[in-house]
């Protein structure tokens, strides 16, 4: 079983019509892997989606993907596809 600290960590939070997935990276390779996976996936352009990179150290941080006013519940399938692409099988 791989050590969980060697993998990208996913943290999901949500409220009514708002969903956020934070993907914690520990090096530049993980960061690039996350951003490339996001670029390959599609979501409706009408959705209010924010993608931000929050650095917490020299090579550490997290990518936050936020869906605002998600009336059509598109965040869930997008997050599932993103996690599958990244090889993540669960989130915190």
PDB file of N, CA and C in Angstrom:
ATOM      1  N   UNK A   1       0.850  -1.180   0.000  1.00  0.00           N
ATOM      2  CA  UNK A   1       0.000   0.000   0.000  1.00  0.00           C
ATOM      3  C   UNK A   1       0.891   1.237   0.000  1.00  0.00           C
ATOM      4  N   UNK A   2       0.641   2.201  -0.915  1.00  0.00           N
ATOM      5  CA  UNK A   2       1.499   3.386  -0.960  1.00  0.00           C
ATOM      6  C   UNK A   2       1.271   4.278   0.250  1.00  0.00           C
ATOM      7  N   UNK A   3       2.303   4.986   0.618  1.00  0.00           N
ATOM      8  CA  UNK A   3       2.205   5.923   1.727  1.00  0.00           C
ATOM      9  C   UNK A   3       1.342   7.102   1.302  1.00  0.00           C
ATOM     10  N   UNK A   4       0.316   7.432   2.074  1.00  0.00           N
ATOM     11  CA  UNK A   4      -0.615   8.514   1.739  1.00  0.00           C
ATOM     12  C   UNK A   4       0.110   9.855   1.597  1.00  0.00           C
ATOM     13  N   UNK A   5       1.226  10.035   2.282  1.00  0.00           N
ATOM     14  CA  UNK A   5       1.951  11.302   2.196  1.00  0.00           C
ATOM     15  C   UNK A   5       2.662  11.465   0.861  1.00  0.00           C
ATOM     16  N   UNK A   6       2.785  10.392   0.086  1.00  0.00           N
ATOM     17  CA  UNK A   6       3.420  10.476  -1.219  1.00  0.00           C
ATOM     18  C   UNK A   6       2.415  10.741  -2.329  1.00  0.00           C
ATOM     19  N   UNK A   7       1.157  10.929  -2.013  1.00  0.00           N
ATOM     20  CA  UNK A   7       0.113  11.143  -3.005  1.00  0.00           C
ATOM     21  C   UNK A   7      -0.507  12.521  -2.847  1.00  0.00           C
ATOM     22  N   UNK A   8      -1.148  12.982  -3.912  1.00  0.00           N
ATOM     23  CA  UNK A   8      -1.912  14.227  -3.847  1.00  0.00           C
ATOM     24  C   UNK A   8      -3.091  13.986  -2.908  1.00  0.00           C
ATOM     25  N   UNK A   9      -3.329  14.908  -2.003  1.00  0.00           N
ATOM     26  CA  UNK A   9      -4.429  14.795  -1.054  1.00  0.00           C
ATOM     27  C   UNK A   9      -5.583  15.672  -1.529  1.00  0.00           C
ATOM     28  N   UNK A  10      -6.795  15.140  -1.479  1.00  0.00           N
ATOM     29  CA  UNK A  10      -7.986  15.874  -1.894  1.00  0.00           C
ATOM     30  C   UNK A  10      -8.859  16.159  -0.674  1.00  0.00           C
ATOM     31  N   UNK A  11      -9.309  17.409  -0.570  1.00  0.00           N
ATOM     32  CA  UNK A  11     -10.217  17.823   0.513  1.00  0.00           C
ATOM     33  C   UNK A  11     -11.433  18.484  -0.131  1.00  0.00           C
ATOM     34  N   UNK A  12     -12.609  17.957   0.166  1.00  0.00           N
ATOM     35  CA  UNK A  12     -13.852  18.462  -0.422  1.00  0.00           C
ATOM     36  C   UNK A  12     -14.681  19.178   0.647  1.00  0.00           C
ATOM     37  N   UNK A  13     -15.257  20.306   0.270  1.00  0.00           N
ATOM     38  CA  UNK A  13     -16.204  20.997   1.149  1.00  0.00           C
ATOM     39  C   UNK A  13     -17.341  21.550   0.284  1.00  0.00           C
ATOM     40  N   UNK A  14     -18.507  21.684   0.900  1.00  0.00           N
ATOM     41  CA  UNK A  14     -19.642  22.195   0.134  1.00  0.00           C
ATOM     42  C   UNK A  14     -20.688  22.798   1.053  1.00  0.00           C
ATOM     43  N   UNK A  15     -21.441  23.672   0.451  1.00  0.00           N
ATOM     44  CA  UNK A  15     -22.634  24.256   1.055  1.00  0.00           C
ATOM     45  C   UNK A  15     -23.674  24.300  -0.055  1.00  0.00           C
ATOM     46  N   UNK A  16     -24.789  24.905   0.215  1.00  0.00           N
ATOM     47  CA  UNK A  16     -25.831  24.987  -0.797  1.00  0.00           C
ATOM     48  C   UNK A  16     -25.301  25.701  -2.047  1.00  0.00           C
ATOM     49  N   UNK A  17     -25.330  25.018  -3.201  1.00  0.00           N
ATOM     50  CA  UNK A  17     -24.902  25.528  -4.518  1.00  0.00           C
ATOM     51  C   UNK A  17     -23.439  25.962  -4.553  1.00  0.00           C
ATOM     52  N   UNK A  18     -22.624  25.517  -3.613  1.00  0.00           N
ATOM     53  CA  UNK A  18     -21.193  25.829  -3.605  1.00  0.00           C
ATOM     54  C   UNK A  18     -20.416  24.559  -3.303  1.00  0.00           C
ATOM     55  N   UNK A  19     -19.425  24.276  -4.122  1.00  0.00           N
ATOM     56  CA  UNK A  19     -18.560  23.115  -3.911  1.00  0.00           C
ATOM     57  C   UNK A  19     -17.119  23.525  -4.121  1.00  0.00           C
ATOM     58  N   UNK A  20     -16.240  22.976  -3.285  1.00  0.00           N
ATOM     59  CA  UNK A  20     -14.815  23.266  -3.419  1.00  0.00           C
ATOM     60  C   UNK A  20     -14.024  21.977  -3.238  1.00  0.00           C
ATOM     61  N   UNK A  21     -13.036  21.805  -4.101  1.00  0.00           N
ATOM     62  CA  UNK A  21     -12.101  20.697  -3.984  1.00  0.00           C
ATOM     63  C   UNK A  21     -10.704  21.295  -3.903  1.00  0.00           C
ATOM     64  N   UNK A  22     -10.003  20.976  -2.821  1.00  0.00           N
ATOM     65  CA  UNK A  22      -8.624  21.416  -2.655  1.00  0.00           C
ATOM     66  C   UNK A  22      -7.725  20.212  -2.881  1.00  0.00           C
ATOM     67  N   UNK A  23      -6.747  20.379  -3.743  1.00  0.00           N
ATOM     68  CA  UNK A  23      -5.799  19.320  -4.071  1.00  0.00           C
ATOM     69  C   UNK A  23      -4.423  19.754  -3.593  1.00  0.00           C
ATOM     70  N   UNK A  24      -3.954  19.116  -2.526  1.00  0.00           N
ATOM     71  CA  UNK A  24      -2.682  19.484  -1.914  1.00  0.00           C
ATOM     72  C   UNK A  24      -1.532  18.840  -2.663  1.00  0.00           C
ATOM     73  N   UNK A  25      -0.575  19.675  -3.082  1.00  0.00           N
ATOM     74  CA  UNK A  25       0.610  19.149  -3.754  1.00  0.00           C
ATOM     75  C   UNK A  25       1.830  19.390  -2.887  1.00  0.00           C
ATOM     76  N   UNK A  26       2.833  18.532  -3.077  1.00  0.00           N
ATOM     77  CA  UNK A  26       4.053  18.596  -2.265  1.00  0.00           C
ATOM     78  C   UNK A  26       5.304  18.863  -3.091  1.00  0.00           C
ATOM     79  N   UNK A  27       5.118  18.994  -4.414  1.00  0.00           N
ATOM     80  CA  UNK A  27       6.237  19.325  -5.293  1.00  0.00           C
ATOM     81  C   UNK A  27       5.680  19.863  -6.612  1.00  0.00           C
ATOM     82  N   UNK A  28       6.548  20.397  -7.445  1.00  0.00           N
ATOM     83  CA  UNK A  28       6.124  21.004  -8.711  1.00  0.00           C
ATOM     84  C   UNK A  28       5.539  19.976  -9.673  1.00  0.00           C
ATOM     85  N   UNK A  29       6.037  18.740  -9.649  1.00  0.00           N
ATOM     86  CA  UNK A  29       5.509  17.700 -10.537  1.00  0.00           C
ATOM     87  C   UNK A  29       4.040  17.418 -10.225  1.00  0.00           C
ATOM     88  N   UNK A  30       3.697  17.333  -8.931  1.00  0.00           N
ATOM     89  CA  UNK A  30       2.287  17.114  -8.546  1.00  0.00           C
ATOM     90  C   UNK A  30       1.435  18.304  -8.963  1.00  0.00           C
ATOM     91  N   UNK A  31       1.952  19.516  -8.784  1.00  0.00           N
ATOM     92  CA  UNK A  31       1.206  20.718  -9.174  1.00  0.00           C
ATOM     93  C   UNK A  31       0.904  20.694 -10.673  1.00  0.00           C
ATOM     94  N   UNK A  32       1.903  20.380 -11.481  1.00  0.00           N
ATOM     95  CA  UNK A  32       1.712  20.328 -12.930  1.00  0.00           C
ATOM     96  C   UNK A  32       0.719  19.228 -13.307  1.00  0.00           C
ATOM     97  N   UNK A  33       0.789  18.102 -12.632  1.00  0.00           N
ATOM     98  CA  UNK A  33      -0.138  16.996 -12.896  1.00  0.00           C
ATOM     99  C   UNK A  33      -1.579  17.441 -12.636  1.00  0.00           C
ATOM    100  N   UNK A  34      -1.806  18.155 -11.543  1.00  0.00           N
ATOM    101  CA  UNK A  34      -3.148  18.650 -11.205  1.00  0.00           C
ATOM    102  C   UNK A  34      -3.641  19.631 -12.262  1.00  0.00           C
ATOM    103  N   UNK A  35      -2.821  20.621 -12.600  1.00  0.00           N
ATOM    104  CA  UNK A  35      -3.231  21.642 -13.569  1.00  0.00           C
ATOM    105  C   UNK A  35      -3.484  21.042 -14.951  1.00  0.00           C
ATOM    106  N   UNK A  36      -2.670  20.083 -15.366  1.00  0.00           N
ATOM    107  CA  UNK A  36      -2.888  19.419 -16.656  1.00  0.00           C
ATOM    108  C   UNK A  36      -4.201  18.639 -16.655  1.00  0.00           C
ATOM    109  N   UNK A  37      -4.507  17.973 -15.546  1.00  0.00           N
ATOM    110  CA  UNK A  37      -5.762  17.219 -15.451  1.00  0.00           C
ATOM    111  C   UNK A  37      -6.969  18.154 -15.526  1.00  0.00           C
ATOM    112  N   UNK A  38      -6.887  19.296 -14.854  1.00  0.00           N
ATOM    113  CA  UNK A  38      -7.987  20.273 -14.894  1.00  0.00           C
ATOM    114  C   UNK A  38      -8.181  20.781 -16.314  1.00  0.00           C
ATOM    115  N   UNK A  39      -7.084  21.071 -17.013  1.00  0.00           N
ATOM    116  CA  UNK A  39      -7.171  21.580 -18.386  1.00  0.00           C
ATOM    117  C   UNK A  39      -7.813  20.583 -19.338  1.00  0.00           C
ATOM    118  N   UNK A  40      -7.625  19.290 -19.093  1.00  0.00           N
ATOM    119  CA  UNK A  40      -8.162  18.263 -19.988  1.00  0.00           C
ATOM    120  C   UNK A  40      -9.652  18.015 -19.775  1.00  0.00           C
ATOM    121  N   UNK A  41     -10.177  18.363 -18.616  1.00  0.00           N
ATOM    122  CA  UNK A  41     -11.587  18.093 -18.327  1.00  0.00           C
ATOM    123  C   UNK A  41     -12.458  19.277 -18.746  1.00  0.00           C
ATOM    124  N   UNK A  42     -13.716  18.976 -19.027  1.00  0.00           N
ATOM    125  CA  UNK A  42     -14.649  20.007 -19.491  1.00  0.00           C
ATOM    126  C   UNK A  42     -15.736  20.273 -18.466  1.00  0.00           C
ATOM    127  N   UNK A  43     -16.161  21.507 -18.417  1.00  0.00           N
ATOM    128  CA  UNK A  43     -17.352  21.900 -17.676  1.00  0.00           C
ATOM    129  C   UNK A  43     -18.005  23.018 -18.475  1.00  0.00           C
ATOM    130  N   UNK A  44     -19.268  23.228 -18.249  1.00  0.00           N
ATOM    131  CA  UNK A  44     -19.962  24.275 -18.989  1.00  0.00           C
ATOM    132  C   UNK A  44     -19.356  25.624 -18.672  1.00  0.00           C
ATOM    133  N   UNK A  45     -19.111  26.408 -19.672  1.00  0.00           N
ATOM    134  CA  UNK A  45     -18.466  27.708 -19.479  1.00  0.00           C
ATOM    135  C   UNK A  45     -19.383  28.694 -18.752  1.00  0.00           C
ATOM    136  N   UNK A  46     -20.670  28.396 -18.680  1.00  0.00           N
ATOM    137  CA  UNK A  46     -21.597  29.272 -17.957  1.00  0.00           C
ATOM    138  C   UNK A  46     -21.419  29.146 -16.439  1.00  0.00           C
ATOM    139  N   UNK A  47     -20.806  28.081 -16.002  1.00  0.00           N
ATOM    140  CA  UNK A  47     -20.590  27.873 -14.565  1.00  0.00           C
ATOM    141  C   UNK A  47     -19.595  28.897 -14.044  1.00  0.00           C
ATOM    142  N   UNK A  48     -19.820  29.315 -12.830  1.00  0.00           N
ATOM    143  CA  UNK A  48     -18.862  30.204 -12.182  1.00  0.00           C
ATOM    144  C   UNK A  48     -17.834  29.332 -11.476  1.00  0.00           C
ATOM    145  N   UNK A  49     -16.710  29.088 -12.152  1.00  0.00           N
ATOM    146  CA  UNK A  49     -15.667  28.224 -11.619  1.00  0.00           C
ATOM    147  C   UNK A  49     -14.416  29.061 -11.396  1.00  0.00           C
ATOM    148  N   UNK A  50     -13.852  28.933 -10.207  1.00  0.00           N
ATOM    149  CA  UNK A  50     -12.599  29.608  -9.890  1.00  0.00           C
ATOM    150  C   UNK A  50     -11.546  28.552  -9.602  1.00  0.00           C
ATOM    151  N   UNK A  51     -10.381  28.729 -10.205  1.00  0.00           N
ATOM    152  CA  UNK A  51      -9.257  27.834  -9.968  1.00  0.00           C
ATOM    153  C   UNK A  51      -8.111  28.698  -9.471  1.00  0.00           C
ATOM    154  N   UNK A  52      -7.611  28.369  -8.282  1.00  0.00           N
ATOM    155  CA  UNK A  52      -6.535  29.183  -7.714  1.00  0.00           C
ATOM    156  C   UNK A  52      -5.428  28.290  -7.157  1.00  0.00           C
ATOM    157  N   UNK A  53      -4.227  28.843  -7.165  1.00  0.00           N
ATOM    158  CA  UNK A  53      -3.045  28.164  -6.642  1.00  0.00           C
ATOM    159  C   UNK A  53      -2.614  28.912  -5.384  1.00  0.00           C
ATOM    160  N   UNK A  54      -2.671  28.240  -4.258  1.00  0.00           N
ATOM    161  CA  UNK A  54      -2.287  28.839  -2.980  1.00  0.00           C
ATOM    162  C   UNK A  54      -0.985  28.184  -2.533  1.00  0.00           C
ATOM    163  N   UNK A  55       0.080  28.943  -2.548  1.00  0.00           N
ATOM    164  CA  UNK A  55       1.391  28.410  -2.147  1.00  0.00           C
ATOM    165  C   UNK A  55       1.535  28.487  -0.635  1.00  0.00           C
ATOM    166  N   UNK A  56       2.042  27.393  -0.059  1.00  0.00           N
ATOM    167  CA  UNK A  56       2.247  27.326   1.387  1.00  0.00           C
ATOM    168  C   UNK A  56       3.715  27.114   1.732  1.00  0.00           C
ATOM    169  N   UNK A  57       4.564  27.169   0.754  1.00  0.00           N
ATOM    170  CA  UNK A  57       5.995  26.959   0.944  1.00  0.00           C
ATOM    171  C   UNK A  57       6.672  26.998  -0.404  1.00  0.00           C
ATOM    172  N   UNK A  58       7.936  26.663  -0.422  1.00  0.00           N
ATOM    173  CA  UNK A  58       8.685  26.744  -1.672  1.00  0.00           C
ATOM    174  C   UNK A  58       8.093  25.862  -2.769  1.00  0.00           C
ATOM    175  N   UNK A  59       7.784  24.622  -2.463  1.00  0.00           N
ATOM    176  CA  UNK A  59       7.221  23.704  -3.459  1.00  0.00           C
ATOM    177  C   UNK A  59       5.908  23.085  -3.003  1.00  0.00           C
ATOM    178  N   UNK A  60       5.299  23.630  -1.976  1.00  0.00           N
ATOM    179  CA  UNK A  60       4.061  23.062  -1.418  1.00  0.00           C
ATOM    180  C   UNK A  60       2.924  24.058  -1.561  1.00  0.00           C
ATOM    181  N   UNK A  61       1.720  23.519  -1.574  1.00  0.00           N
ATOM    182  CA  UNK A  61       0.540  24.362  -1.626  1.00  0.00           C
ATOM    183  C   UNK A  61      -0.662  23.537  -2.028  1.00  0.00           C
ATOM    184  N   UNK A  62      -1.687  24.220  -2.523  1.00  0.00           N
ATOM    185  CA  UNK A  62      -2.855  23.496  -3.012  1.00  0.00           C
ATOM    186  C   UNK A  62      -3.518  24.264  -4.134  1.00  0.00           C
ATOM    187  N   UNK A  63      -4.152  23.493  -4.999  1.00  0.00           N
ATOM    188  CA  UNK A  63      -4.976  24.036  -6.066  1.00  0.00           C
ATOM    189  C   UNK A  63      -6.417  23.925  -5.587  1.00  0.00           C
ATOM    190  N   UNK A  64      -7.119  25.040  -5.573  1.00  0.00           N
ATOM    191  CA  UNK A  64      -8.527  25.052  -5.174  1.00  0.00           C
ATOM    192  C   UNK A  64      -9.395  25.218  -6.417  1.00  0.00           C
ATOM    193  N   UNK A  65     -10.376  24.327  -6.559  1.00  0.00           N
ATOM    194  CA  UNK A  65     -11.345  24.405  -7.645  1.00  0.00           C
ATOM    195  C   UNK A  65     -12.695  24.648  -6.989  1.00  0.00           C
ATOM    196  N   UNK A  66     -13.284  25.823  -7.272  1.00  0.00           N
ATOM    197  CA  UNK A  66     -14.533  26.216  -6.615  1.00  0.00           C
ATOM    198  C   UNK A  66     -15.641  26.434  -7.644  1.00  0.00           C
ATOM    199  N   UNK A  67     -16.781  25.819  -7.421  1.00  0.00           N
ATOM    200  CA  UNK A  67     -17.975  26.041  -8.224  1.00  0.00           C
ATOM    201  C   UNK A  67     -18.924  26.908  -7.395  1.00  0.00           C
ATOM    202  N   UNK A  68     -19.269  28.075  -7.915  1.00  0.00           N
ATOM    203  CA  UNK A  68     -20.209  28.988  -7.257  1.00  0.00           C
ATOM    204  C   UNK A  68     -21.550  28.931  -7.990  1.00  0.00           C
ATOM    205  N   UNK A  69     -22.641  29.044  -7.256  1.00  0.00           N
ATOM    206  CA  UNK A  69     -23.992  28.995  -7.829  1.00  0.00           C
ATOM    207  C   UNK A  69     -24.155  27.804  -8.761  1.00  0.00           C
ATOM    208  N   UNK A  70     -23.825  26.633  -8.270  1.00  0.00           N
ATOM    209  CA  UNK A  70     -23.862  25.399  -9.055  1.00  0.00           C
ATOM    210  C   UNK A  70     -25.274  24.819  -9.053  1.00  0.00           C
ATOM    211  N   UNK A  71     -26.184  25.495  -9.760  1.00  0.00           N
ATOM    212  CA  UNK A  71     -27.579  25.073  -9.805  1.00  0.00           C
ATOM    213  C   UNK A  71     -27.744  23.697 -10.434  1.00  0.00           C
ATOM    214  N   UNK A  72     -26.912  23.380 -11.418  1.00  0.00           N
ATOM    215  CA  UNK A  72     -27.054  22.131 -12.161  1.00  0.00           C
ATOM    216  C   UNK A  72     -26.213  20.992 -11.591  1.00  0.00           C
ATOM    217  N   UNK A  73     -25.609  21.209 -10.432  1.00  0.00           N
ATOM    218  CA  UNK A  73     -24.833  20.167  -9.738  1.00  0.00           C
ATOM    219  C   UNK A  73     -23.740  19.563 -10.631  1.00  0.00           C
ATOM    220  N   UNK A  74     -22.983  20.422 -11.309  1.00  0.00           N
ATOM    221  CA  UNK A  74     -21.917  19.955 -12.187  1.00  0.00           C
ATOM    222  C   UNK A  74     -20.618  19.688 -11.442  1.00  0.00           C
ATOM    223  N   UNK A  75     -20.465  20.234 -10.254  1.00  0.00           N
ATOM    224  CA  UNK A  75     -19.220  20.078  -9.509  1.00  0.00           C
ATOM    225  C   UNK A  75     -18.941  18.611  -9.187  1.00  0.00           C
ATOM    226  N   UNK A  76     -19.932  17.887  -8.731  1.00  0.00           N
ATOM    227  CA  UNK A  76     -19.734  16.495  -8.332  1.00  0.00           C
ATOM    228  C   UNK A  76     -19.135  15.635  -9.428  1.00  0.00           C
ATOM    229  N   UNK A  77     -19.771  15.576 -10.609  1.00  0.00           N
ATOM    230  CA  UNK A  77     -19.193  14.776 -11.692  1.00  0.00           C
ATOM    231  C   UNK A  77     -17.816  15.284 -12.132  1.00  0.00           C
ATOM    232  N   UNK A  78     -17.619  16.608 -12.126  1.00  0.00           N
ATOM    233  CA  UNK A  78     -16.314  17.162 -12.495  1.00  0.00           C
ATOM    234  C   UNK A  78     -15.257  16.733 -11.486  1.00  0.00           C
ATOM    235  N   UNK A  79     -15.562  16.851 -10.194  1.00  0.00           N
ATOM    236  CA  UNK A  79     -14.610  16.453  -9.160  1.00  0.00           C
ATOM    237  C   UNK A  79     -14.311  14.955  -9.227  1.00  0.00           C
ATOM    238  N   UNK A  80     -15.345  14.144  -9.473  1.00  0.00           N
ATOM    239  CA  UNK A  80     -15.137  12.695  -9.598  1.00  0.00           C
ATOM    240  C   UNK A  80     -14.186  12.380 -10.755  1.00  0.00           C
ATOM    241  N   UNK A  81     -14.416  13.018 -11.898  1.00  0.00           N
ATOM    242  CA  UNK A  81     -13.564  12.785 -13.063  1.00  0.00           C
ATOM    243  C   UNK A  81     -12.138  13.275 -12.805  1.00  0.00           C
ATOM    244  N   UNK A  82     -11.996  14.400 -12.143  1.00  0.00           N
ATOM    245  CA  UNK A  82     -10.679  14.949 -11.833  1.00  0.00           C
ATOM    246  C   UNK A  82      -9.920  14.011 -10.908  1.00  0.00           C
ATOM    247  N   UNK A  83     -10.586  13.538  -9.867  1.00  0.00           N
ATOM    248  CA  UNK A  83      -9.931  12.628  -8.935  1.00  0.00           C
ATOM    249  C   UNK A  83      -9.549  11.316  -9.618  1.00  0.00           C
ATOM    250  N   UNK A  84     -10.413  10.809 -10.481  1.00  0.00           N
ATOM    251  CA  UNK A  84     -10.102   9.581 -11.204  1.00  0.00           C
ATOM    252  C   UNK A  84      -8.884   9.791 -12.099  1.00  0.00           C
ATOM    253  N   UNK A  85      -8.829  10.915 -12.788  1.00  0.00           N
ATOM    254  CA  UNK A  85      -7.692  11.238 -13.654  1.00  0.00           C
ATOM    255  C   UNK A  85      -6.388  11.296 -12.861  1.00  0.00           C
ATOM    256  N   UNK A  86      -6.460  11.808 -11.638  1.00  0.00           N
ATOM    257  CA  UNK A  86      -5.276  11.952 -10.794  1.00  0.00           C
ATOM    258  C   UNK A  86      -4.956  10.684  -9.993  1.00  0.00           C
ATOM    259  N   UNK A  87      -5.827   9.677 -10.074  1.00  0.00           N
ATOM    260  CA  UNK A  87      -5.593   8.441  -9.344  1.00  0.00           C
ATOM    261  C   UNK A  87      -5.888   8.551  -7.869  1.00  0.00           C
ATOM    262  N   UNK A  88      -6.789   9.465  -7.512  1.00  0.00           N
ATOM    263  CA  UNK A  88      -7.187   9.655  -6.113  1.00  0.00           C
ATOM    264  C   UNK A  88      -8.475   8.873  -5.879  1.00  0.00           C
ATOM    265  N   UNK A  89      -8.491   8.017  -4.852  1.00  0.00           N
ATOM    266  CA  UNK A  89      -9.678   7.193  -4.633  1.00  0.00           C
ATOM    267  C   UNK A  89     -10.559   7.664  -3.480  1.00  0.00           C
ATOM    268  N   UNK A  90     -10.131   8.695  -2.753  1.00  0.00           N
ATOM    269  CA  UNK A  90     -10.959   9.222  -1.652  1.00  0.00           C
ATOM    270  C   UNK A  90     -10.543  10.652  -1.346  1.00  0.00           C
ATOM    271  N   UNK A  91     -11.411  11.372  -0.661  1.00  0.00           N
ATOM    272  CA  UNK A  91     -11.044  12.710  -0.201  1.00  0.00           C
ATOM    273  C   UNK A  91     -11.368  12.853   1.268  1.00  0.00           C
ATOM    274  N   UNK A  92     -10.757  13.844   1.850  1.00  0.00           N
ATOM    275  CA  UNK A  92     -10.913  14.121   3.266  1.00  0.00           C
ATOM    276  C   UNK A  92     -12.214  14.868   3.496  1.00  0.00           C
TER     277      UNK A  92
END
